[in-house]
Protein backbone atom coordinates (compact mmCIF):
# COMPACT_ATOMS: atom_id res chain seq x y z
CA UNK A 1 0.00 0.00 0.00
CA UNK A 2 3.06 2.25 -0.03
CA UNK A 3 3.48 4.80 -2.81
CA UNK A 4 6.89 5.92 -4.02
CA UNK A 5 10.37 4.64 -3.21
CA UNK A 6 12.01 5.00 0.15
CA UNK A 7 15.60 4.89 -1.18
CA UNK A 8 17.58 4.99 -4.45
CA UNK A 9 18.24 1.30 -4.17
CA UNK A 10 14.54 0.66 -4.54
CA UNK A 11 14.49 2.28 -8.02
CA UNK A 12 14.47 -0.02 -11.10
CA UNK A 13 14.98 0.88 -14.76
CA UNK A 14 11.89 1.32 -16.92
CA UNK A 15 11.51 -1.91 -18.93
CA UNK A 16 11.03 -2.24 -22.69
CA UNK A 17 7.48 -2.58 -23.85
CA UNK A 18 6.35 0.19 -21.50
CA UNK A 19 6.91 3.80 -20.55
CA UNK A 20 7.32 5.09 -16.99
CA UNK A 21 6.25 8.14 -15.03
CA UNK A 22 6.14 8.99 -11.31
CA UNK A 23 7.71 5.68 -10.42
CA UNK A 24 5.11 3.66 -12.29
CA UNK A 25 5.28 1.74 -15.60
CA UNK A 26 2.55 1.75 -18.21
CA UNK A 27 2.57 -1.10 -20.78
CA UNK A 28 2.24 -0.34 -24.49
CA UNK A 29 -1.25 -0.98 -25.77
CA UNK A 30 -2.18 -3.54 -28.44
CA UNK A 31 -0.81 -2.46 -31.79
CA UNK A 32 2.16 -0.61 -30.22
CA UNK A 33 5.67 -1.62 -29.13
CA UNK A 34 8.67 -0.06 -27.39
CA UNK A 35 12.11 -1.52 -27.91
CA UNK A 36 14.02 1.01 -25.78
CA UNK A 37 14.31 0.97 -21.95
CA UNK A 38 13.95 3.93 -19.58
CA UNK A 39 11.37 5.77 -21.64
CA UNK A 40 9.26 8.34 -19.83
CA UNK A 41 7.09 9.54 -22.71
CA UNK A 42 3.91 7.86 -23.98
CA UNK A 43 5.14 8.47 -27.52
CA UNK A 44 7.91 5.96 -26.83
CA UNK A 45 5.40 3.22 -27.76
CA UNK A 46 5.58 3.07 -31.56
CA UNK A 47 2.64 1.97 -33.67
CA UNK A 48 3.00 -1.23 -35.70
CA UNK A 49 3.05 -0.91 -39.50
CA UNK A 50 -0.22 -0.48 -41.35
CA UNK A 51 -2.52 -3.57 -41.34
CA UNK A 52 -0.53 -5.16 -38.49
CA UNK A 53 -1.01 -5.47 -34.75
CA UNK A 54 0.41 -7.13 -31.64
CA UNK A 55 -0.94 -9.67 -29.20
CA UNK A 56 -3.63 -8.59 -26.78
CA UNK A 57 -2.13 -7.18 -23.58
CA UNK A 58 -3.75 -8.96 -20.60
CA UNK A 59 -5.16 -6.77 -17.82
CA UNK A 60 -2.61 -5.97 -15.08
CA UNK A 61 0.42 -6.78 -17.27
CA UNK A 62 3.50 -4.70 -16.49
CA UNK A 63 4.78 -4.57 -20.05
CA UNK A 64 3.46 -4.92 -23.58
CA UNK A 65 5.23 -5.64 -26.85
CA UNK A 66 8.92 -4.84 -26.72
CA UNK A 67 10.06 -5.26 -30.36
CA UNK A 68 8.93 -4.79 -33.93
CA UNK A 69 9.02 -8.56 -34.28
CA UNK A 70 5.91 -8.74 -32.12
CA UNK A 71 3.91 -7.03 -34.87
CA UNK A 72 2.05 -9.48 -37.11
CA UNK A 73 -0.20 -8.88 -40.10
CA UNK A 74 -3.91 -8.98 -39.64
CA UNK A 75 -6.19 -11.55 -41.23
CA UNK A 76 -6.20 -11.33 -45.01
CA UNK A 77 -2.62 -10.04 -45.24
CA UNK A 78 0.86 -11.55 -45.28
CA UNK A 79 4.10 -10.04 -43.95
CA UNK A 80 7.12 -9.14 -46.05
CA UNK A 81 10.20 -8.32 -43.95
CA UNK A 82 11.84 -4.95 -44.49
CA UNK A 83 14.64 -3.11 -42.72
CA UNK A 84 13.86 0.45 -41.66
CA UNK A 85 17.30 1.05 -40.09
CA UNK A 86 20.37 -0.81 -38.99
CA UNK A 87 18.84 -2.20 -35.78
CA UNK A 88 15.07 -2.37 -36.20
CA UNK A 89 13.42 -4.93 -38.45
CA UNK A 90 9.94 -3.99 -39.67
CA UNK A 91 7.37 -5.73 -41.82
CA UNK A 92 5.18 -4.67 -44.72
CA UNK A 93 1.72 -6.22 -44.92
CA UNK A 94 0.47 -7.01 -48.41
CA UNK A 95 -3.02 -8.10 -49.39
CA UNK A 96 -3.41 -11.83 -50.00
CA UNK A 97 -4.66 -12.85 -53.43
CA UNK A 98 -7.25 -15.49 -54.23
CA UNK A 99 -4.48 -18.07 -54.63
CA UNK A 100 -3.37 -17.70 -50.99
CA UNK A 101 -4.86 -18.74 -47.68
CA UNK A 102 -4.52 -15.95 -45.08
CA UNK A 103 -7.49 -16.73 -42.86
CA UNK A 104 -5.32 -16.57 -39.72
CA UNK A 105 -3.43 -13.53 -38.43
CA UNK A 106 0.34 -13.67 -38.48
CA UNK A 107 0.77 -15.10 -41.99
CA UNK A 108 4.28 -14.55 -43.34
CA UNK A 109 5.74 -14.74 -46.81
CA UNK A 110 7.97 -17.68 -45.91
CA UNK A 111 5.14 -19.77 -44.48
CA UNK A 112 2.53 -18.73 -47.01
CA UNK A 113 -0.06 -21.43 -47.67
CA UNK A 114 -1.30 -21.76 -51.24
CA UNK A 115 -4.59 -23.10 -52.44
CA UNK A 116 -4.89 -26.16 -54.65
CA UNK A 117 -3.62 -25.57 -58.16
CA UNK A 118 -1.13 -22.82 -57.24
CA UNK A 119 2.67 -22.90 -57.05
CA UNK A 120 5.60 -20.50 -56.48
CA UNK A 121 9.30 -20.85 -57.13
CA UNK A 122 10.68 -19.97 -53.68
CA UNK A 123 9.60 -18.92 -50.19
CA UNK A 124 10.85 -15.42 -50.96
CA UNK A 125 8.51 -15.00 -53.96
CA UNK A 126 5.01 -13.59 -53.67
CA UNK A 127 3.98 -14.31 -57.27
CA UNK A 128 2.07 -17.56 -57.69
CA UNK A 129 1.49 -19.55 -60.88
CA UNK A 130 -1.32 -21.85 -61.81
CA UNK A 131 -0.47 -25.51 -62.12
CA UNK A 132 -2.55 -28.56 -62.97
CA UNK A 133 -4.61 -29.59 -59.97
CA UNK A 134 -3.74 -33.26 -60.46
CA UNK A 135 -0.09 -32.21 -60.02
CA UNK A 136 -0.48 -29.63 -57.23
CA UNK A 137 -2.84 -31.42 -54.89
CA UNK A 138 -1.98 -33.58 -51.92
CA UNK A 139 -4.05 -36.71 -51.46
CA UNK A 140 -5.12 -38.43 -48.28
CA UNK A 141 -7.55 -38.15 -45.39
CA UNK A 142 -7.46 -35.02 -43.27
CA UNK A 143 -5.42 -33.05 -45.83
CA UNK A 144 -6.76 -29.56 -46.50
CA UNK A 145 -6.83 -27.83 -49.86
CA UNK A 146 -4.14 -25.33 -48.79
CA UNK A 147 -0.50 -26.04 -48.02
CA UNK A 148 2.98 -24.61 -48.28
CA UNK A 149 3.97 -25.28 -51.88
CA UNK A 150 7.17 -23.81 -53.32
CA UNK A 151 10.46 -24.75 -54.93
CA UNK A 152 11.43 -27.46 -57.37
CA UNK A 153 11.95 -30.19 -54.78
CA UNK A 154 8.28 -31.16 -54.64
CA UNK A 155 7.20 -29.35 -51.44
CA UNK A 156 3.40 -29.48 -51.39
CA UNK A 157 3.17 -31.32 -54.73
CA UNK A 158 1.35 -34.54 -55.33
CA UNK A 159 3.43 -37.60 -54.49
CA UNK A 160 5.86 -38.34 -57.28
CA UNK A 161 5.74 -34.79 -58.72
CA UNK A 162 8.41 -32.13 -58.46
CA UNK A 163 10.01 -29.32 -60.46
CA UNK A 164 8.43 -26.05 -61.63
CA UNK A 165 4.62 -26.19 -61.43
CA UNK A 166 5.04 -29.74 -60.05
CA UNK A 167 5.02 -30.79 -63.71
CA UNK A 168 7.91 -33.28 -63.76
CA UNK A 169 8.21 -36.72 -62.24
CA UNK A 170 10.58 -37.60 -59.45
CA UNK A 171 13.20 -40.33 -59.70
CA UNK A 172 11.54 -43.73 -59.88
CA UNK A 173 8.28 -42.28 -61.23
CA UNK A 174 7.00 -41.96 -64.79
CA UNK A 175 4.19 -40.04 -66.43
CA UNK A 176 1.13 -42.15 -67.20
CA UNK A 177 -1.57 -41.80 -69.84
CA UNK A 178 -3.47 -39.22 -67.77
CA UNK A 179 -0.38 -37.05 -67.28
CA UNK A 180 -0.05 -38.05 -63.60
CA UNK A 181 3.23 -39.54 -62.40
CA UNK A 182 2.97 -43.23 -61.57
CA UNK A 183 5.46 -45.13 -59.46
CA UNK A 184 7.75 -47.57 -61.20
CA UNK A 185 7.33 -50.71 -59.10
CA UNK A 186 10.30 -52.86 -58.23
CA UNK A 187 9.14 -55.57 -60.62
CA UNK A 188 9.20 -53.05 -63.45
CA UNK A 189 12.69 -51.82 -62.64
CA UNK A 190 14.08 -55.33 -62.32
CA UNK A 191 12.08 -56.90 -65.16
CA UNK A 192 11.51 -54.46 -68.07
CA UNK A 193 9.14 -56.90 -69.79
CA UNK A 194 6.47 -56.20 -67.16
CA UNK A 195 6.17 -52.54 -68.20
CA UNK A 196 7.19 -52.83 -71.83
CA UNK A 197 4.18 -55.03 -72.65
CA UNK A 198 1.83 -52.07 -73.08
CA UNK A 199 4.46 -50.11 -74.98
CA UNK A 200 5.00 -52.94 -77.44
CA UNK A 201 1.24 -53.31 -77.83
CA UNK A 202 0.82 -49.64 -78.69
CA UNK A 203 3.67 -49.62 -81.19
CA UNK A 204 2.44 -52.87 -82.74
CA UNK A 205 -1.02 -51.35 -83.14
CA UNK A 206 0.44 -48.36 -84.94
CA UNK A 207 2.47 -50.66 -87.21
CA UNK A 208 -0.57 -52.76 -88.06
CA UNK A 209 -2.55 -49.62 -88.90
CA UNK A 210 0.20 -48.47 -91.27
CA UNK A 211 0.31 -51.87 -92.98
CA UNK A 212 -3.47 -51.89 -93.43
CA UNK A 213 -3.35 -48.42 -95.00
CA UNK A 214 -0.61 -49.54 -97.39
CA UNK A 215 -2.50 -52.73 -98.25
CA UNK A 216 -5.50 -50.62 -99.28
CA UNK A 217 -3.57 -47.80 -100.95
CA UNK A 218 -1.30 -49.85 -103.24
CA UNK A 219 -4.06 -51.79 -105.07
CA UNK A 220 -6.14 -48.63 -105.30
CA UNK A 221 -3.30 -46.71 -106.96
CA UNK A 222 -2.65 -49.56 -109.37
CA UNK A 223 -6.32 -49.65 -110.26
CA UNK A 224 -6.35 -45.89 -110.89
CA UNK A 225 -3.21 -46.20 -113.02
CA UNK A 226 -4.86 -48.90 -115.10
CA UNK A 227 -7.87 -46.67 -115.65
CA UNK A 228 -5.65 -43.78 -116.72
CA UNK A 229 -3.77 -45.97 -119.20
CA UNK A 230 -7.05 -47.27 -120.60
CA UNK A 231 -8.41 -43.76 -121.09
CA UNK A 232 -5.13 -42.63 -122.65
CA UNK A 233 -5.10 -45.52 -125.13
CA UNK A 234 -8.75 -45.19 -125.97
CA UNK A 235 -9.09 -41.42 -125.96
CA UNK A 236 -9.30 -41.24 -129.76
CA UNK A 237 -11.48 -44.32 -130.16
CA UNK A 238 -15.17 -44.09 -130.58
CA UNK A 239 -16.92 -44.78 -127.33
CA UNK A 240 -20.04 -46.86 -127.62
CA UNK A 241 -22.85 -45.85 -125.38
CA UNK A 242 -23.97 -48.64 -123.11
CA UNK A 243 -27.35 -48.82 -121.47
CA UNK A 244 -27.24 -47.84 -117.79
CA UNK A 245 -26.75 -50.71 -115.40
CA UNK A 246 -29.41 -51.68 -112.98
CA UNK A 247 -29.47 -53.48 -109.70
CA UNK A 248 -26.78 -53.71 -107.03
CA UNK A 249 -23.91 -52.78 -109.35
CA UNK A 250 -25.62 -49.58 -110.39
CA UNK A 251 -26.39 -48.73 -106.78
CA UNK A 252 -22.78 -49.41 -105.82
CA UNK A 253 -21.53 -47.22 -108.66
CA UNK A 254 -23.76 -44.33 -107.61
CA UNK A 255 -22.65 -44.74 -103.99
CA UNK A 256 -19.00 -44.60 -105.04
CA UNK A 257 -19.65 -41.48 -107.09
CA UNK A 258 -21.44 -39.83 -104.16
CA UNK A 259 -18.64 -40.79 -101.77
CA UNK A 260 -16.05 -39.36 -104.15
CA UNK A 261 -18.00 -36.13 -104.37
CA UNK A 262 -18.19 -35.84 -100.61
CA UNK A 263 -14.50 -36.64 -100.25
CA UNK A 264 -13.50 -34.03 -102.81
CA UNK A 265 -15.68 -31.41 -101.11
CA UNK A 266 -14.60 -32.23 -97.55
CA UNK A 267 -10.89 -32.92 -98.06
CA UNK A 268 -9.78 -29.30 -98.22
CA UNK A 269 -12.03 -28.26 -95.33
CA UNK A 270 -10.72 -31.12 -93.20
CA UNK A 271 -7.14 -30.02 -93.90
CA UNK A 272 -7.98 -26.47 -92.84
CA UNK A 273 -9.56 -27.64 -89.58
CA UNK A 274 -6.64 -29.99 -88.87
CA UNK A 275 -4.07 -27.22 -89.40
CA UNK A 276 -6.11 -24.80 -87.27
CA UNK A 277 -6.22 -27.28 -84.37
CA UNK A 278 -2.48 -27.88 -84.67
CA UNK A 279 -1.67 -24.17 -84.39
CA UNK A 280 -4.33 -23.48 -81.75
CA UNK A 281 -2.98 -26.22 -79.49
CA UNK A 282 0.46 -24.57 -79.55
CA UNK A 283 -0.54 -20.92 -79.00
CA UNK A 284 -0.57 -21.17 -75.23
CA UNK A 285 2.92 -22.63 -75.11
CA UNK A 286 4.50 -20.33 -77.70
CA UNK A 287 3.01 -17.07 -76.38
CA UNK A 288 2.63 -17.92 -72.69
CA UNK A 289 -1.18 -17.75 -72.74
CA UNK A 290 -2.94 -19.21 -69.70
CA UNK A 291 -6.28 -20.54 -70.88
CA UNK A 292 -9.16 -21.21 -68.49
CA UNK A 293 -8.75 -24.65 -66.87
CA UNK A 294 -11.66 -26.30 -68.70
CA UNK A 295 -10.59 -24.92 -72.08
CA UNK A 296 -6.96 -25.82 -71.44
CA UNK A 297 -7.95 -29.43 -70.82
CA UNK A 298 -9.78 -29.58 -74.16
CA UNK A 299 -6.78 -28.03 -75.95
CA UNK A 300 -4.44 -30.51 -74.31
CA UNK A 301 -6.56 -33.44 -75.50
CA UNK A 302 -6.66 -32.02 -79.04
CA UNK A 303 -2.88 -31.51 -78.97
CA UNK A 304 -2.26 -35.19 -78.34
CA UNK A 305 -4.32 -36.16 -81.39
CA UNK A 306 -3.51 -33.56 -84.06
CA UNK A 307 0.21 -33.46 -83.22
CA UNK A 308 0.52 -37.26 -83.44
CA UNK A 309 2.05 -37.64 -79.98
CA UNK A 310 2.38 -41.41 -80.16
CA UNK A 311 5.30 -41.37 -77.70
CA UNK A 312 2.99 -40.20 -74.93
CA UNK A 313 1.10 -43.47 -75.21
CA UNK A 314 4.23 -45.36 -74.25
CA UNK A 315 5.39 -45.31 -70.63
CA UNK A 316 9.07 -44.80 -71.24
CA UNK A 317 10.01 -42.77 -68.16
CA UNK A 318 10.76 -45.87 -66.08
CA UNK A 319 13.60 -46.80 -68.44
CA UNK A 320 14.84 -43.44 -69.70
CA UNK A 321 14.20 -39.80 -68.84
CA UNK A 322 12.32 -38.54 -71.91
CA UNK A 323 12.86 -34.81 -72.31
CA UNK A 324 12.16 -32.08 -74.82
CA UNK A 325 15.57 -32.69 -76.38
CA UNK A 326 14.54 -36.25 -77.25
CA UNK A 327 11.27 -34.97 -78.69
CA UNK A 328 13.15 -32.38 -80.75
CA UNK A 329 15.40 -35.02 -82.30
CA UNK A 330 12.56 -37.48 -82.92
CA UNK A 331 10.19 -34.95 -84.50
CA UNK A 332 12.85 -33.55 -86.83
CA UNK A 333 14.91 -36.58 -87.82
CA UNK A 334 12.04 -39.06 -88.31
CA UNK A 335 9.97 -36.93 -90.79
CA UNK A 336 13.12 -35.80 -92.61
CA UNK A 337 14.32 -39.38 -93.10
CA UNK A 338 10.81 -40.53 -94.09
CA UNK A 339 10.47 -37.77 -96.71
CA UNK A 340 13.93 -38.55 -98.09
CA UNK A 341 13.19 -42.29 -98.33
CA UNK A 342 9.83 -41.75 -100.02
CA UNK A 343 11.45 -39.41 -102.56
CA UNK A 344 14.30 -41.82 -103.33
CA UNK A 345 11.99 -44.82 -103.75
CA UNK A 346 9.64 -42.83 -106.00
CA UNK A 347 12.52 -41.66 -108.17
CA UNK A 348 13.84 -45.20 -108.54
CA UNK A 349 10.40 -46.46 -109.58
CA UNK A 350 10.04 -43.63 -112.10
CA UNK A 351 13.43 -44.49 -113.56
CA UNK A 352 12.28 -48.11 -113.87
CA UNK A 353 9.15 -46.96 -115.68
CA UNK A 354 11.16 -44.90 -118.16
CA UNK A 355 13.40 -47.91 -118.95
CA UNK A 356 10.56 -50.42 -119.24
CA UNK A 357 7.56 -50.50 -121.50
CA UNK A 358 5.40 -52.09 -118.83
CA UNK A 359 5.80 -49.53 -116.13
CA UNK A 360 2.18 -49.24 -115.06
CA UNK A 361 2.40 -50.73 -111.56
CA UNK A 362 5.75 -49.02 -110.97
CA UNK A 363 4.30 -45.66 -111.94
CA UNK A 364 1.30 -46.18 -109.70
CA UNK A 365 3.52 -47.12 -106.76
CA UNK A 366 5.78 -44.13 -107.40
CA UNK A 367 2.77 -41.83 -107.44
CA UNK A 368 1.58 -43.39 -104.19
CA UNK A 369 4.92 -42.70 -102.51
CA UNK A 370 4.91 -39.12 -103.79
CA UNK A 371 1.40 -38.59 -102.44
CA UNK A 372 2.43 -40.08 -99.09
CA UNK A 373 5.31 -37.63 -99.03
CA UNK A 374 2.94 -34.71 -99.53
CA UNK A 375 0.61 -36.00 -96.81
CA UNK A 376 3.56 -36.41 -94.46
CA UNK A 377 4.72 -32.87 -95.14
CA UNK A 378 1.22 -31.54 -94.52
CA UNK A 379 0.79 -33.39 -91.22
CA UNK A 380 4.30 -32.80 -89.85
CA UNK A 381 5.09 -29.27 -91.00
CA UNK A 382 3.16 -27.39 -88.25
CA UNK A 383 4.27 -29.87 -85.60
CA UNK A 384 7.96 -29.82 -86.57
CA UNK A 385 7.98 -26.05 -86.99
CA UNK A 386 6.47 -25.46 -83.56
CA UNK A 387 8.80 -28.02 -81.94
CA UNK A 388 11.86 -26.36 -83.47
CA UNK A 389 10.89 -22.85 -82.37
CA UNK A 390 10.09 -24.08 -78.86
CA UNK A 391 13.84 -24.42 -78.32
CA UNK A 392 14.06 -20.62 -78.18
CA UNK A 393 11.06 -20.05 -75.89
CA UNK A 394 11.80 -19.74 -72.17
CA UNK A 395 9.68 -19.21 -69.09
CA UNK A 396 10.94 -17.23 -66.12
CA UNK A 397 9.44 -17.42 -62.62
CA UNK A 398 9.76 -14.78 -59.94
CA UNK A 399 12.32 -15.82 -57.36
CA UNK A 400 12.07 -12.99 -54.79
CA UNK A 401 9.92 -9.95 -54.17
CA UNK A 402 12.81 -7.53 -53.61
CA UNK A 403 14.65 -8.46 -56.82
CA UNK A 404 17.58 -10.05 -55.00
CA UNK A 405 19.69 -12.69 -56.68
CA UNK A 406 18.16 -16.14 -56.49
CA UNK A 407 20.14 -19.17 -55.38
CA UNK A 408 18.12 -21.45 -57.68
CA UNK A 409 17.48 -21.39 -61.43
CA UNK A 410 14.47 -19.30 -62.39
CA UNK A 411 14.44 -19.66 -66.20
CA UNK A 412 13.40 -22.93 -67.82
CA UNK A 413 12.48 -24.26 -71.25
CA UNK A 414 8.78 -23.59 -71.75
CA UNK A 415 8.25 -26.93 -73.49
CA UNK A 416 9.96 -28.88 -70.68
CA UNK A 417 10.22 -27.19 -67.29
CA UNK A 418 12.69 -29.81 -66.13
CA UNK A 419 15.38 -28.29 -68.39
CA UNK A 420 17.19 -25.10 -67.38
CA UNK A 421 17.23 -22.69 -70.30
CA UNK A 422 20.85 -21.62 -69.74
CA UNK A 423 22.23 -25.13 -69.32
CA UNK A 424 24.97 -26.47 -71.58
CA UNK A 425 22.75 -29.24 -72.94
CA UNK A 426 20.11 -26.78 -74.09
CA UNK A 427 22.76 -24.53 -75.62
CA UNK A 428 23.65 -27.30 -78.07
CA UNK A 429 19.96 -28.05 -78.56
CA UNK A 430 19.41 -24.44 -79.69
CA UNK A 431 22.24 -24.80 -82.21
CA UNK A 432 20.62 -27.95 -83.63
CA UNK A 433 17.21 -26.24 -83.69
CA UNK A 434 18.69 -23.31 -85.61
CA UNK A 435 19.88 -25.72 -88.29
CA UNK A 436 16.46 -27.34 -88.46
CA UNK A 437 14.82 -23.92 -88.88
CA UNK A 438 16.52 -23.73 -92.28
CA UNK A 439 15.38 -27.27 -93.17
CA UNK A 440 11.69 -27.17 -92.16
CA UNK A 441 10.16 -23.71 -91.47
CA UNK A 442 12.01 -22.15 -94.42
CA UNK A 443 13.08 -25.14 -96.50
CA UNK A 444 9.65 -26.73 -97.02
CA UNK A 445 7.93 -23.53 -98.30
CA UNK A 446 10.90 -22.90 -100.60
CA UNK A 447 10.59 -26.45 -101.91
CA UNK A 448 6.87 -25.95 -102.61
CA UNK A 449 7.53 -22.66 -104.43
CA UNK A 450 10.11 -24.36 -106.64
CA UNK A 451 7.69 -27.21 -107.38
CA UNK A 452 4.91 -24.79 -108.32
CA UNK A 453 7.25 -22.87 -110.59
CA UNK A 454 8.51 -25.99 -112.35
CA UNK A 455 4.93 -27.23 -112.87
CA UNK A 456 3.42 -23.90 -113.83
CA UNK A 457 2.22 -25.25 -117.21
CA UNK A 458 0.35 -28.08 -115.53
CA UNK A 459 -1.18 -25.67 -113.01
CA UNK A 460 -2.31 -23.40 -115.83
CA UNK A 461 -3.86 -26.38 -117.61
CA UNK A 462 -5.58 -27.43 -114.41
CA UNK A 463 -7.06 -23.96 -114.05
CA UNK A 464 -8.33 -24.19 -117.63
CA UNK A 465 -9.84 -27.61 -116.91
CA UNK A 466 -11.69 -26.32 -113.88
CA UNK A 467 -12.87 -23.32 -115.88
CA UNK A 468 -14.20 -25.58 -118.63
CA UNK A 469 -16.04 -27.59 -116.00
CA UNK A 470 -17.62 -24.41 -114.64
CA UNK A 471 -18.69 -23.42 -118.15
CA UNK A 472 -20.25 -26.82 -118.62
CA UNK A 473 -22.14 -26.50 -115.35
CA UNK A 474 -23.51 -23.10 -116.31
CA UNK A 475 -24.49 -24.25 -119.78
CA UNK A 476 -26.22 -27.36 -118.47
CA UNK A 477 -28.64 -25.13 -116.58
CA UNK A 478 -29.86 -23.45 -119.76
CA UNK A 479 -32.46 -24.77 -122.19
CA UNK A 480 -30.62 -23.86 -125.36
CA UNK A 481 -28.93 -26.50 -127.49
CA UNK A 482 -26.41 -24.04 -128.93
CA UNK A 483 -22.98 -25.47 -129.28
CA UNK A 484 -20.01 -23.50 -128.00
CA UNK A 485 -16.51 -23.89 -129.35
CA UNK A 486 -13.75 -23.99 -126.76
CA UNK A 487 -10.01 -24.38 -127.27
CA UNK A 488 -8.51 -27.71 -126.38
CA UNK A 489 -6.72 -28.32 -123.12
CA UNK A 490 -3.44 -29.09 -124.92
CA UNK A 491 -3.63 -25.84 -126.91
CA UNK A 492 -4.28 -23.75 -123.78
CA UNK A 493 -1.46 -25.48 -121.89
CA UNK A 494 1.10 -24.99 -124.68
CA UNK A 495 3.22 -21.81 -124.63
CA UNK A 496 2.18 -20.86 -128.17
CA UNK A 497 -1.54 -21.24 -127.52
CA UNK A 498 -3.93 -18.38 -128.03
CA UNK A 499 -6.77 -17.35 -125.82
CA UNK A 500 -10.30 -18.25 -126.84
CA UNK A 501 -11.08 -14.65 -127.64
CA UNK A 502 -8.04 -14.42 -129.90
CA UNK A 503 -9.04 -17.39 -132.06
CA UNK A 504 -10.29 -16.18 -135.40
CA UNK A 505 -13.23 -17.60 -137.34
CA UNK A 506 -12.64 -20.06 -140.16
CA UNK A 507 -14.31 -20.24 -143.55
CA UNK A 508 -17.47 -21.75 -142.14
CA UNK A 509 -17.78 -18.93 -139.61
CA UNK A 510 -17.15 -21.19 -136.67
CA UNK A 511 -14.45 -20.51 -134.10
CA UNK A 512 -11.26 -22.55 -134.41
CA UNK A 513 -10.31 -25.10 -131.80
CA UNK A 514 -11.99 -28.08 -130.28
CA UNK A 515 -15.80 -28.03 -130.28
CA UNK A 516 -17.57 -28.79 -127.02
CA UNK A 517 -21.24 -28.94 -126.23
CA UNK A 518 -23.39 -29.38 -123.18
CA UNK A 519 -24.02 -32.97 -124.27
CA UNK A 520 -20.48 -33.99 -125.18
CA UNK A 521 -18.01 -32.46 -122.74
CA UNK A 522 -15.00 -34.07 -121.11
CA UNK A 523 -15.51 -34.66 -117.40
CA UNK A 524 -13.59 -32.61 -114.88
CA UNK A 525 -11.80 -35.71 -113.65
CA UNK A 526 -10.45 -36.54 -117.13
CA UNK A 527 -9.44 -32.93 -117.69
CA UNK A 528 -7.59 -32.87 -114.38
CA UNK A 529 -5.75 -36.07 -115.23
CA UNK A 530 -4.71 -34.58 -118.57
CA UNK A 531 -3.51 -31.49 -116.72
CA UNK A 532 -1.56 -33.58 -114.23
CA UNK A 533 0.08 -35.49 -117.07
CA UNK A 534 1.73 -32.26 -118.24
């Protein structure tokens, strides 16, 4: 019940976390701190940074918060450490984004919990990146949808996943058909036949499909060649009109004609759609576009089909780490070798035809190989071009909020986040890709331009043939029986030919050239074949 001190020895220094007056100490209130002793002014208690506070001071406590470290961010914010001077460490409270979980006060940048489907490169980075939920989601009972997830060592990733965005598989794991890493069991590692069975089955299925296509294509080309030779030999002979067939054969003939019409009309449109899907599936990767999750899943499924990713059907990760560098070599060397082989075989068959009088089957087979070459170029050109240019596309992740140097790599190959962009292996890969840029993205269009230029007479004749077919179609819609004289295909295709308007009348007053009518007019198919023969 005494007030005041009776002697100097009874005096004590004013503690930190409070200020003193008249021999009494007053603790700093909640949200304030005092780090200096012997303070006799209420202003000695400094306010915590904006959006931060301290623990509640219990009633009757002698002191409150005594350091800036007692200040923590409020709910909905996370703390970033800053240094205001040489001795006092302060924090800066930033607003949590939708990818973070800051429901409790005192959240810090280092211990930041991320929601499912989010990832960051390091504990010093505040920028988060969206990753596939099947990669960035822990499984098991009692596990919440938020966790600490950062770095390339798999912290917070699904079991078996690691690397940037948890997109790569750990040692002893391999990517399955659904894109999720599956464990390579001991039986698989010790006995490769246990895992290779499915791989062999897939590759065998692809081989059987190719053989079936060849078994259908070769006889069909020989049959078409026989028809062309028959029309060529009998083009000047008088064709006897036969009564139309009836029954099943006639129905089958009409069905084949209808199917051919549909194929001719849909072939070009199908090629346009196929090319559009190929380029659309690669836009996100080439330009860093983050599609909505549902749309990205659809694009990913389309990418596997239109880009002919057969390797993804084979679980090869248990035996060898398959990287973008392997894909680059496979997608450039395989089509290049295939195109070269098809060209060489076709040329050999054409040489055999020129040295033999009976070169019909050889010519048909050569034409088949040339057509396969064009189909291969059409299917592989967008895929190979995109794969080659992906060698020069990188993706950089934020490593720290203050721009300090990072102790881990922060730039990776966009096509394979397991590869560091500045690594020695990728340096040589970029050199190889630069060579392939000259072969495919620039070489193939140059090759097509040269082909078009060398076959310009045939293209001109083909344009004339299509124009004659259009004239026939227009004339067939009229009721007149007037006959119209048109120049022959050979005359229009020859360099010395004259245009129809330049042809002068003869003695009978009729225009020179070959006479065509709405009743007797060469079909478009025959005209095209004559144009191709040039």
